[in-house]
Full PDB file with SEQRES, HELIX, SHEET, SSBOND, CRYST1, ORIGX, SCALE, CONECT and MASTER records, all heavy atoms in Angstrom:
SEQRES   1 A   39  LYS VAL GLY VAL ASP ALA LEU ARG GLY CYS VAL ARG HIS          
SEQRES   2 A   39  CYS GLY ASP VAL GLY VAL LYS VAL LEU THR VAL PHE ALA          
SEQRES   3 A   39  PHE SER SER GLU ASN TRP SER ARG PRO ALA ASP GLU VAL          
HELIX    1 AA1 VAL A    2  VAL A   17  1                                  16    
HELIX    2 AA2 ASN A   31  SER A   33  5                                   3    
CRYST1    1.000    1.000    1.000  90.00  90.00  90.00 P 1           1          
ORIGX1      1.000000  0.000000  0.000000        0.00000                         
ORIGX2      0.000000  1.000000  0.000000        0.00000                         
ORIGX3      0.000000  0.000000  1.000000        0.00000                         
SCALE1      1.000000  0.000000  0.000000        0.00000                         
SCALE2      0.000000  1.000000  0.000000        0.00000                         
SCALE3      0.000000  0.000000  1.000000        0.00000                         
ATOM      1  N   LYS A   1      -6.104   2.998  -7.461  1.00  0.00           N  
ATOM      2  CA  LYS A   1      -5.133   3.772  -8.236  1.00  0.00           C  
ATOM      3  C   LYS A   1      -4.686   5.008  -7.463  1.00  0.00           C  
ATOM      4  O   LYS A   1      -3.488   5.330  -7.428  1.00  0.00           O  
ATOM      5  CB  LYS A   1      -5.744   4.181  -9.584  1.00  0.00           C  
ATOM      6  CG  LYS A   1      -5.961   3.014 -10.540  1.00  0.00           C  
ATOM      7  CD  LYS A   1      -6.598   3.481 -11.841  1.00  0.00           C  
ATOM      8  CE  LYS A   1      -6.796   2.304 -12.790  1.00  0.00           C  
ATOM      9  NZ  LYS A   1      -7.474   2.725 -14.053  1.00  0.00           N  
ATOM     10  N   VAL A   2      -5.632   5.701  -6.833  1.00  0.00           N  
ATOM     11  CA  VAL A   2      -5.270   6.865  -6.023  1.00  0.00           C  
ATOM     12  C   VAL A   2      -4.487   6.415  -4.790  1.00  0.00           C  
ATOM     13  O   VAL A   2      -3.602   7.122  -4.299  1.00  0.00           O  
ATOM     14  CB  VAL A   2      -6.533   7.654  -5.626  1.00  0.00           C  
ATOM     15  CG1 VAL A   2      -6.170   8.865  -4.763  1.00  0.00           C  
ATOM     16  CG2 VAL A   2      -7.279   8.121  -6.865  1.00  0.00           C  
ATOM     17  N   GLY A   3      -4.798   5.209  -4.299  1.00  0.00           N  
ATOM     18  CA  GLY A   3      -4.066   4.664  -3.163  1.00  0.00           C  
ATOM     19  C   GLY A   3      -2.593   4.467  -3.457  1.00  0.00           C  
ATOM     20  O   GLY A   3      -1.749   4.595  -2.556  1.00  0.00           O  
ATOM     21  N   VAL A   4      -2.258   4.164  -4.698  1.00  0.00           N  
ATOM     22  CA  VAL A   4      -0.845   4.043  -5.088  1.00  0.00           C  
ATOM     23  C   VAL A   4      -0.152   5.389  -4.931  1.00  0.00           C  
ATOM     24  O   VAL A   4       0.996   5.463  -4.469  1.00  0.00           O  
ATOM     25  CB  VAL A   4      -0.717   3.526  -6.540  1.00  0.00           C  
ATOM     26  CG1 VAL A   4       0.733   3.589  -7.015  1.00  0.00           C  
ATOM     27  CG2 VAL A   4      -1.238   2.099  -6.643  1.00  0.00           C  
ATOM     28  N   ASP A   5      -0.849   6.466  -5.280  1.00  0.00           N  
ATOM     29  CA  ASP A   5      -0.269   7.805  -5.098  1.00  0.00           C  
ATOM     30  C   ASP A   5      -0.018   8.087  -3.620  1.00  0.00           C  
ATOM     31  O   ASP A   5       1.021   8.661  -3.257  1.00  0.00           O  
ATOM     32  CB  ASP A   5      -1.210   8.863  -5.671  1.00  0.00           C  
ATOM     33  CG  ASP A   5      -1.410   8.729  -7.171  1.00  0.00           C  
ATOM     34  OD1 ASP A   5      -0.500   8.193  -7.837  1.00  0.00           O  
ATOM     35  OD2 ASP A   5      -2.464   9.161  -7.673  1.00  0.00           O  
ATOM     36  N   ALA A   6      -0.980   7.683  -2.772  1.00  0.00           N  
ATOM     37  CA  ALA A   6      -0.809   7.890  -1.330  1.00  0.00           C  
ATOM     38  C   ALA A   6       0.373   7.092  -0.801  1.00  0.00           C  
ATOM     39  O   ALA A   6       1.136   7.571   0.050  1.00  0.00           O  
ATOM     40  CB  ALA A   6      -2.085   7.498  -0.591  1.00  0.00           C  
ATOM     41  N   LEU A   7       0.539   5.884  -1.305  1.00  0.00           N  
ATOM     42  CA  LEU A   7       1.665   5.058  -0.873  1.00  0.00           C  
ATOM     43  C   LEU A   7       2.988   5.675  -1.309  1.00  0.00           C  
ATOM     44  O   LEU A   7       3.963   5.678  -0.542  1.00  0.00           O  
ATOM     45  CB  LEU A   7       1.531   3.643  -1.436  1.00  0.00           C  
ATOM     46  CG  LEU A   7       2.685   2.680  -1.130  1.00  0.00           C  
ATOM     47  CD1 LEU A   7       2.910   2.547   0.378  1.00  0.00           C  
ATOM     48  CD2 LEU A   7       2.430   1.315  -1.770  1.00  0.00           C  
ATOM     49  N   ARG A   8       3.027   6.208  -2.515  1.00  0.00           N  
ATOM     50  CA  ARG A   8       4.248   6.858  -2.992  1.00  0.00           C  
ATOM     51  C   ARG A   8       4.664   7.983  -2.054  1.00  0.00           C  
ATOM     52  O   ARG A   8       5.828   8.105  -1.660  1.00  0.00           O  
ATOM     53  CB  ARG A   8       4.034   7.400  -4.401  1.00  0.00           C  
ATOM     54  CG  ARG A   8       5.285   8.011  -5.014  1.00  0.00           C  
ATOM     55  CD  ARG A   8       4.981   8.739  -6.315  1.00  0.00           C  
ATOM     56  NE  ARG A   8       4.295   7.902  -7.281  1.00  0.00           N  
ATOM     57  CZ  ARG A   8       3.044   8.116  -7.693  1.00  0.00           C  
ATOM     58  NH1 ARG A   8       2.359   9.160  -7.220  1.00  0.00           N  
ATOM     59  NH2 ARG A   8       2.495   7.324  -8.577  1.00  0.00           N  
ATOM     60  N   GLY A   9       3.701   8.814  -1.652  1.00  0.00           N  
ATOM     61  CA  GLY A   9       4.005   9.901  -0.737  1.00  0.00           C  
ATOM     62  C   GLY A   9       4.419   9.418   0.634  1.00  0.00           C  
ATOM     63  O   GLY A   9       5.310   9.996   1.264  1.00  0.00           O  
ATOM     64  N   CYS A  10       3.800   8.332   1.100  1.00  0.00           N  
ATOM     65  CA  CYS A  10       4.133   7.777   2.410  1.00  0.00           C  
ATOM     66  C   CYS A  10       5.551   7.220   2.418  1.00  0.00           C  
ATOM     67  O   CYS A  10       6.308   7.441   3.373  1.00  0.00           O  
ATOM     68  CB  CYS A  10       3.119   6.691   2.771  1.00  0.00           C  
ATOM     69  SG  CYS A  10       3.339   5.982   4.414  1.00  0.00           S  
ATOM     70  N   VAL A  11       5.918   6.513   1.368  1.00  0.00           N  
ATOM     71  CA  VAL A  11       7.272   5.956   1.269  1.00  0.00           C  
ATOM     72  C   VAL A  11       8.300   7.078   1.290  1.00  0.00           C  
ATOM     73  O   VAL A  11       9.306   7.018   2.017  1.00  0.00           O  
ATOM     74  CB  VAL A  11       7.415   5.110  -0.015  1.00  0.00           C  
ATOM     75  CG1 VAL A  11       8.878   4.725  -0.250  1.00  0.00           C  
ATOM     76  CG2 VAL A  11       6.554   3.862   0.061  1.00  0.00           C  
ATOM     77  N   ARG A  12       8.034   8.111   0.524  1.00  0.00           N  
ATOM     78  CA  ARG A  12       8.992   9.230   0.450  1.00  0.00           C  
ATOM     79  C   ARG A  12       9.121   9.922   1.807  1.00  0.00           C  
ATOM     80  O   ARG A  12      10.229  10.241   2.252  1.00  0.00           O  
ATOM     81  CB  ARG A  12       8.538  10.215  -0.616  1.00  0.00           C  
ATOM     82  CG  ARG A  12       9.487  11.378  -0.832  1.00  0.00           C  
ATOM     83  CD  ARG A  12       9.177  12.110  -2.117  1.00  0.00           C  
ATOM     84  NE  ARG A  12       9.466  11.277  -3.277  1.00  0.00           N  
ATOM     85  CZ  ARG A  12       8.573  11.030  -4.255  1.00  0.00           C  
ATOM     86  NH1 ARG A  12       7.372  11.545  -4.212  1.00  0.00           N  
ATOM     87  NH2 ARG A  12       8.908  10.271  -5.294  1.00  0.00           N  
ATOM     88  N   HIS A  13       7.997  10.130   2.502  1.00  0.00           N  
ATOM     89  CA  HIS A  13       8.059  10.816   3.790  1.00  0.00           C  
ATOM     90  C   HIS A  13       8.743   9.951   4.843  1.00  0.00           C  
ATOM     91  O   HIS A  13       9.499  10.469   5.669  1.00  0.00           O  
ATOM     92  CB  HIS A  13       6.655  11.202   4.244  1.00  0.00           C  
ATOM     93  CG  HIS A  13       6.637  12.125   5.424  1.00  0.00           C  
ATOM     94  ND1 HIS A  13       7.280  13.345   5.429  1.00  0.00           N  
ATOM     95  CD2 HIS A  13       6.094  11.985   6.668  1.00  0.00           C  
ATOM     96  CE1 HIS A  13       7.115  13.932   6.594  1.00  0.00           C  
ATOM     97  NE2 HIS A  13       6.407  13.131   7.376  1.00  0.00           N  
ATOM     98  N   CYS A  14       8.494   8.652   4.805  1.00  0.00           N  
ATOM     99  CA  CYS A  14       9.178   7.760   5.747  1.00  0.00           C  
ATOM    100  C   CYS A  14      10.688   7.851   5.562  1.00  0.00           C  
ATOM    101  O   CYS A  14      11.445   7.919   6.540  1.00  0.00           O  
ATOM    102  CB  CYS A  14       8.703   6.316   5.559  1.00  0.00           C  
ATOM    103  SG  CYS A  14       7.116   5.946   6.325  1.00  0.00           S  
ATOM    104  N   GLY A  15      11.121   7.853   4.316  1.00  0.00           N  
ATOM    105  CA  GLY A  15      12.551   7.990   4.069  1.00  0.00           C  
ATOM    106  C   GLY A  15      13.095   9.319   4.550  1.00  0.00           C  
ATOM    107  O   GLY A  15      14.193   9.388   5.109  1.00  0.00           O  
ATOM    108  N   ASP A  16      12.313  10.380   4.386  1.00  0.00           N  
ATOM    109  CA  ASP A  16      12.768  11.710   4.784  1.00  0.00           C  
ATOM    110  C   ASP A  16      12.912  11.850   6.298  1.00  0.00           C  
ATOM    111  O   ASP A  16      13.821  12.546   6.770  1.00  0.00           O  
ATOM    112  CB  ASP A  16      11.800  12.776   4.269  1.00  0.00           C  
ATOM    113  CG  ASP A  16      11.869  12.952   2.753  1.00  0.00           C  
ATOM    114  OD1 ASP A  16      12.861  12.500   2.144  1.00  0.00           O  
ATOM    115  OD2 ASP A  16      10.916  13.538   2.188  1.00  0.00           O  
ATOM    116  N   VAL A  17      12.006  11.230   7.069  1.00  0.00           N  
ATOM    117  CA  VAL A  17      12.035  11.421   8.528  1.00  0.00           C  
ATOM    118  C   VAL A  17      12.907  10.392   9.235  1.00  0.00           C  
ATOM    119  O   VAL A  17      13.137  10.501  10.436  1.00  0.00           O  
ATOM    120  CB  VAL A  17      10.614  11.416   9.133  1.00  0.00           C  
ATOM    121  CG1 VAL A  17       9.780  12.517   8.519  1.00  0.00           C  
ATOM    122  CG2 VAL A  17       9.943  10.054   8.986  1.00  0.00           C  
ATOM    123  N   GLY A  18      13.371   9.352   8.510  1.00  0.00           N  
ATOM    124  CA  GLY A  18      14.296   8.404   9.121  1.00  0.00           C  
ATOM    125  C   GLY A  18      13.726   7.052   9.480  1.00  0.00           C  
ATOM    126  O   GLY A  18      14.397   6.253  10.147  1.00  0.00           O  
ATOM    127  N   VAL A  19      12.503   6.763   9.049  1.00  0.00           N  
ATOM    128  CA  VAL A  19      11.976   5.406   9.211  1.00  0.00           C  
ATOM    129  C   VAL A  19      12.821   4.466   8.357  1.00  0.00           C  
ATOM    130  O   VAL A  19      13.154   4.781   7.215  1.00  0.00           O  
ATOM    131  CB  VAL A  19      10.493   5.340   8.777  1.00  0.00           C  
ATOM    132  CG1 VAL A  19       9.970   3.909   8.810  1.00  0.00           C  
ATOM    133  CG2 VAL A  19       9.640   6.243   9.663  1.00  0.00           C  
ATOM    134  N   LYS A  20      13.188   3.324   8.899  1.00  0.00           N  
ATOM    135  CA  LYS A  20      14.061   2.402   8.175  1.00  0.00           C  
ATOM    136  C   LYS A  20      13.309   1.252   7.512  1.00  0.00           C  
ATOM    137  O   LYS A  20      13.805   0.655   6.548  1.00  0.00           O  
ATOM    138  CB  LYS A  20      15.116   1.835   9.130  1.00  0.00           C  
ATOM    139  CG  LYS A  20      16.089   2.887   9.650  1.00  0.00           C  
ATOM    140  CD  LYS A  20      16.796   3.590   8.506  1.00  0.00           C  
ATOM    141  CE  LYS A  20      17.782   4.629   9.014  1.00  0.00           C  
ATOM    142  NZ  LYS A  20      18.400   5.387   7.881  1.00  0.00           N  
ATOM    143  N   VAL A  21      12.129   0.914   8.036  1.00  0.00           N  
ATOM    144  CA  VAL A  21      11.339  -0.179   7.465  1.00  0.00           C  
ATOM    145  C   VAL A  21       9.885   0.257   7.403  1.00  0.00           C  
ATOM    146  O   VAL A  21       9.325   0.747   8.391  1.00  0.00           O  
ATOM    147  CB  VAL A  21      11.443  -1.474   8.304  1.00  0.00           C  
ATOM    148  CG1 VAL A  21      10.656  -2.599   7.629  1.00  0.00           C  
ATOM    149  CG2 VAL A  21      12.888  -1.880   8.513  1.00  0.00           C  
ATOM    150  N   LEU A  22       9.273   0.089   6.243  1.00  0.00           N  
ATOM    151  CA  LEU A  22       7.846   0.339   6.062  1.00  0.00           C  
ATOM    152  C   LEU A  22       7.222  -0.928   5.490  1.00  0.00           C  
ATOM    153  O   LEU A  22       7.657  -1.420   4.442  1.00  0.00           O  
ATOM    154  CB  LEU A  22       7.602   1.516   5.122  1.00  0.00           C  
ATOM    155  CG  LEU A  22       6.144   1.806   4.743  1.00  0.00           C  
ATOM    156  CD1 LEU A  22       5.326   2.205   5.972  1.00  0.00           C  
ATOM    157  CD2 LEU A  22       6.064   2.887   3.667  1.00  0.00           C  
ATOM    158  N   THR A  23       6.223  -1.453   6.172  1.00  0.00           N  
ATOM    159  CA  THR A  23       5.523  -2.649   5.716  1.00  0.00           C  
ATOM    160  C   THR A  23       4.064  -2.294   5.480  1.00  0.00           C  
ATOM    161  O   THR A  23       3.409  -1.732   6.371  1.00  0.00           O  
ATOM    162  CB  THR A  23       5.610  -3.779   6.755  1.00  0.00           C  
ATOM    163  OG1 THR A  23       6.985  -4.120   6.965  1.00  0.00           O  
ATOM    164  CG2 THR A  23       4.858  -5.019   6.289  1.00  0.00           C  
ATOM    165  N   VAL A  24       3.548  -2.591   4.289  1.00  0.00           N  
ATOM    166  CA  VAL A  24       2.166  -2.224   3.965  1.00  0.00           C  
ATOM    167  C   VAL A  24       1.380  -3.462   3.542  1.00  0.00           C  
ATOM    168  O   VAL A  24       1.907  -4.378   2.913  1.00  0.00           O  
ATOM    169  CB  VAL A  24       2.110  -1.152   2.860  1.00  0.00           C  
ATOM    170  CG1 VAL A  24       2.760   0.140   3.339  1.00  0.00           C  
ATOM    171  CG2 VAL A  24       2.776  -1.628   1.570  1.00  0.00           C  
ATOM    172  N   PHE A  25       0.103  -3.457   3.910  1.00  0.00           N  
ATOM    173  CA  PHE A  25      -0.816  -4.549   3.587  1.00  0.00           C  
ATOM    174  C   PHE A  25      -1.544  -4.160   2.315  1.00  0.00           C  
ATOM    175  O   PHE A  25      -2.474  -3.347   2.335  1.00  0.00           O  
ATOM    176  CB  PHE A  25      -1.788  -4.735   4.743  1.00  0.00           C  
ATOM    177  CG  PHE A  25      -2.387  -6.114   4.859  1.00  0.00           C  
ATOM    178  CD1 PHE A  25      -1.997  -7.151   4.040  1.00  0.00           C  
ATOM    179  CD2 PHE A  25      -3.345  -6.375   5.829  1.00  0.00           C  
ATOM    180  CE1 PHE A  25      -2.531  -8.426   4.170  1.00  0.00           C  
ATOM    181  CE2 PHE A  25      -3.894  -7.633   5.978  1.00  0.00           C  
ATOM    182  CZ  PHE A  25      -3.488  -8.664   5.145  1.00  0.00           C  
ATOM    183  N   ALA A  26      -1.142  -4.739   1.191  1.00  0.00           N  
ATOM    184  CA  ALA A  26      -1.697  -4.359  -0.103  1.00  0.00           C  
ATOM    185  C   ALA A  26      -2.826  -5.272  -0.561  1.00  0.00           C  
ATOM    186  O   ALA A  26      -3.782  -4.818  -1.206  1.00  0.00           O  
ATOM    187  CB  ALA A  26      -0.583  -4.341  -1.153  1.00  0.00           C  
ATOM    188  N   PHE A  27      -2.727  -6.571  -0.265  1.00  0.00           N  
ATOM    189  CA  PHE A  27      -3.741  -7.532  -0.728  1.00  0.00           C  
ATOM    190  C   PHE A  27      -3.681  -8.737   0.196  1.00  0.00           C  
ATOM    191  O   PHE A  27      -2.650  -9.402   0.292  1.00  0.00           O  
ATOM    192  CB  PHE A  27      -3.444  -7.963  -2.169  1.00  0.00           C  
ATOM    193  CG  PHE A  27      -4.516  -8.813  -2.802  1.00  0.00           C  
ATOM    194  CD1 PHE A  27      -5.627  -8.225  -3.399  1.00  0.00           C  
ATOM    195  CD2 PHE A  27      -4.409 -10.193  -2.819  1.00  0.00           C  
ATOM    196  CE1 PHE A  27      -6.603  -9.011  -3.995  1.00  0.00           C  
ATOM    197  CE2 PHE A  27      -5.378 -10.984  -3.409  1.00  0.00           C  
ATOM    198  CZ  PHE A  27      -6.486 -10.391  -3.998  1.00  0.00           C  
ATOM    199  N   SER A  28      -4.780  -8.989   0.896  1.00  0.00           N  
ATOM    200  CA  SER A  28      -4.783 -10.085   1.861  1.00  0.00           C  
ATOM    201  C   SER A  28      -5.206 -11.389   1.189  1.00  0.00           C  
ATOM    202  O   SER A  28      -5.806 -11.388   0.107  1.00  0.00           O  
ATOM    203  CB  SER A  28      -5.733  -9.770   3.021  1.00  0.00           C  
ATOM    204  OG  SER A  28      -7.075  -9.986   2.643  1.00  0.00           O  
ATOM    205  N   SER A  29      -4.940 -12.489   1.854  1.00  0.00           N  
ATOM    206  CA  SER A  29      -5.337 -13.792   1.329  1.00  0.00           C  
ATOM    207  C   SER A  29      -6.852 -13.937   1.308  1.00  0.00           C  
ATOM    208  O   SER A  29      -7.392 -14.793   0.599  1.00  0.00           O  
ATOM    209  CB  SER A  29      -4.709 -14.916   2.165  1.00  0.00           C  
ATOM    210  OG  SER A  29      -4.914 -14.710   3.544  1.00  0.00           O  
ATOM    211  N   GLU A  30      -7.571 -13.073   2.051  1.00  0.00           N  
ATOM    212  CA  GLU A  30      -9.032 -13.089   2.047  1.00  0.00           C  
ATOM    213  C   GLU A  30      -9.609 -12.232   0.918  1.00  0.00           C  
ATOM    214  O   GLU A  30     -10.801 -12.336   0.601  1.00  0.00           O  
ATOM    215  CB  GLU A  30      -9.572 -12.583   3.387  1.00  0.00           C  
ATOM    216  CG  GLU A  30      -9.394 -13.531   4.560  1.00  0.00           C  
ATOM    217  CD  GLU A  30      -7.975 -13.478   5.140  1.00  0.00           C  
ATOM    218  OE1 GLU A  30      -7.278 -12.459   4.942  1.00  0.00           O  
ATOM    219  OE2 GLU A  30      -7.573 -14.473   5.778  1.00  0.00           O  
ATOM    220  N   ASN A  31      -8.791 -11.374   0.315  1.00  0.00           N  
ATOM    221  CA  ASN A  31      -9.299 -10.457  -0.703  1.00  0.00           C  
ATOM    222  C   ASN A  31      -9.675 -11.141  -2.015  1.00  0.00           C  
ATOM    223  O   ASN A  31     -10.321 -10.518  -2.875  1.00  0.00           O  
ATOM    224  CB  ASN A  31      -8.282  -9.349  -0.993  1.00  0.00           C  
ATOM    225  CG  ASN A  31      -8.201  -8.308   0.101  1.00  0.00           C  
ATOM    226  OD1 ASN A  31      -7.200  -7.608   0.226  1.00  0.00           O  
ATOM    227  ND2 ASN A  31      -9.239  -8.189   0.919  1.00  0.00           N  
ATOM    228  N   TRP A  32      -9.298 -12.411  -2.178  1.00  0.00           N  
ATOM    229  CA  TRP A  32      -9.695 -13.128  -3.383  1.00  0.00           C  
ATOM    230  C   TRP A  32     -11.211 -13.252  -3.495  1.00  0.00           C  
ATOM    231  O   TRP A  32     -11.745 -13.457  -4.586  1.00  0.00           O  
ATOM    232  CB  TRP A  32      -9.075 -14.525  -3.413  1.00  0.00           C  
ATOM    233  CG  TRP A  32      -7.592 -14.525  -3.589  1.00  0.00           C  
ATOM    234  CD1 TRP A  32      -6.653 -14.772  -2.633  1.00  0.00           C  
ATOM    235  CD2 TRP A  32      -6.859 -14.277  -4.797  1.00  0.00           C  
ATOM    236  NE1 TRP A  32      -5.383 -14.676  -3.157  1.00  0.00           N  
ATOM    237  CE2 TRP A  32      -5.479 -14.384  -4.490  1.00  0.00           C  
ATOM    238  CE3 TRP A  32      -7.242 -13.971  -6.102  1.00  0.00           C  
ATOM    239  CZ2 TRP A  32      -4.486 -14.195  -5.445  1.00  0.00           C  
ATOM    240  CZ3 TRP A  32      -6.249 -13.780  -7.064  1.00  0.00           C  
ATOM    241  CH2 TRP A  32      -4.890 -13.890  -6.732  1.00  0.00           C  
ATOM    242  N   SER A  33     -11.926 -13.125  -2.377  1.00  0.00           N  
ATOM    243  CA  SER A  33     -13.388 -13.254  -2.383  1.00  0.00           C  
ATOM    244  C   SER A  33     -14.088 -11.978  -2.838  1.00  0.00           C  
ATOM    245  O   SER A  33     -15.315 -11.949  -2.947  1.00  0.00           O  
ATOM    246  CB  SER A  33     -13.894 -13.653  -0.991  1.00  0.00           C  
ATOM    247  OG  SER A  33     -13.534 -12.677  -0.028  1.00  0.00           O  
ATOM    248  N   ARG A  34     -13.338 -10.926  -3.094  1.00  0.00           N  
ATOM    249  CA  ARG A  34     -13.938  -9.688  -3.586  1.00  0.00           C  
ATOM    250  C   ARG A  34     -14.412  -9.862  -5.032  1.00  0.00           C  
ATOM    251  O   ARG A  34     -14.075 -10.859  -5.686  1.00  0.00           O  
ATOM    252  CB  ARG A  34     -12.926  -8.542  -3.485  1.00  0.00           C  
ATOM    253  CG  ARG A  34     -12.620  -8.151  -2.046  1.00  0.00           C  
ATOM    254  CD  ARG A  34     -11.840  -6.873  -1.968  1.00  0.00           C  
ATOM    255  NE  ARG A  34     -11.696  -6.425  -0.578  1.00  0.00           N  
ATOM    256  CZ  ARG A  34     -11.177  -5.268  -0.216  1.00  0.00           C  
ATOM    257  NH1 ARG A  34     -10.733  -4.427  -1.152  1.00  0.00           N  
ATOM    258  NH2 ARG A  34     -11.091  -4.926   1.052  1.00  0.00           N  
ATOM    259  N   PRO A  35     -15.206  -8.914  -5.561  1.00  0.00           N  
ATOM    260  CA  PRO A  35     -15.675  -9.040  -6.947  1.00  0.00           C  
ATOM    261  C   PRO A  35     -14.534  -9.292  -7.924  1.00  0.00           C  
ATOM    262  O   PRO A  35     -13.452  -8.716  -7.788  1.00  0.00           O  
ATOM    263  CB  PRO A  35     -16.354  -7.683  -7.199  1.00  0.00           C  
ATOM    264  CG  PRO A  35     -16.808  -7.230  -5.840  1.00  0.00           C  
ATOM    265  CD  PRO A  35     -15.739  -7.715  -4.885  1.00  0.00           C  
ATOM    266  N   ALA A  36     -14.796 -10.148  -8.898  1.00  0.00           N  
ATOM    267  CA  ALA A  36     -13.745 -10.577  -9.826  1.00  0.00           C  
ATOM    268  C   ALA A  36     -13.117  -9.404 -10.567  1.00  0.00           C  
ATOM    269  O   ALA A  36     -11.898  -9.389 -10.806  1.00  0.00           O  
ATOM    270  CB  ALA A  36     -14.307 -11.583 -10.824  1.00  0.00           C  
ATOM    271  N   ASP A  37     -13.948  -8.409 -10.934  1.00  0.00           N  
ATOM    272  CA  ASP A  37     -13.374  -7.280 -11.676  1.00  0.00           C  
ATOM    273  C   ASP A  37     -12.437  -6.453 -10.804  1.00  0.00           C  
ATOM    274  O   ASP A  37     -11.442  -5.905 -11.296  1.00  0.00           O  
ATOM    275  CB  ASP A  37     -14.475  -6.397 -12.258  1.00  0.00           C  
ATOM    276  CG  ASP A  37     -15.410  -5.826 -11.208  1.00  0.00           C  
ATOM    277  OD1 ASP A  37     -15.447  -6.356 -10.079  1.00  0.00           O  
ATOM    278  OD2 ASP A  37     -16.119  -4.848 -11.515  1.00  0.00           O  
ATOM    279  N   GLU A  38     -12.720  -6.389  -9.492  1.00  0.00           N  
ATOM    280  CA  GLU A  38     -11.829  -5.652  -8.598  1.00  0.00           C  
ATOM    281  C   GLU A  38     -10.515  -6.403  -8.424  1.00  0.00           C  
ATOM    282  O   GLU A  38      -9.431  -5.793  -8.439  1.00  0.00           O  
ATOM    283  CB  GLU A  38     -12.478  -5.435  -7.229  1.00  0.00           C  
ATOM    284  CG  GLU A  38     -11.599  -4.631  -6.281  1.00  0.00           C  
ATOM    285  CD  GLU A  38     -12.254  -4.339  -4.943  1.00  0.00           C  
ATOM    286  OE1 GLU A  38     -13.441  -4.663  -4.780  1.00  0.00           O  
ATOM    287  OE2 GLU A  38     -11.574  -3.768  -4.057  1.00  0.00           O  
ATOM    288  N   VAL A  39     -10.585  -7.738  -8.280  1.00  0.00           N  
ATOM    289  CA  VAL A  39      -9.370  -8.532  -8.114  1.00  0.00           C  
ATOM    290  C   VAL A  39      -8.499  -8.440  -9.364  1.00  0.00           C  
ATOM    291  O   VAL A  39      -7.285  -8.216  -9.276  1.00  0.00           O  
ATOM    292  CB  VAL A  39      -9.710  -9.998  -7.792  1.00  0.00           C  
ATOM    293  CG1 VAL A  39      -8.442 -10.859  -7.803  1.00  0.00           C  
ATOM    294  CG2 VAL A  39     -10.403 -10.100  -6.439  1.00  0.00           C  
TER     295      VAL A  39                                                      
MASTER        0    0    0    2    0    0    0    6  294    1    0    3          
END                                                                             
């Protein structure tokens, strides 16, 4: 949840400095093996 806040700030700063594309790794195909409550 706090990571979403960090992403919000990163997106805004990228736009401010002139980055045109931002790609983020949010959930990998391997992350399904994590605890069920986390998934």
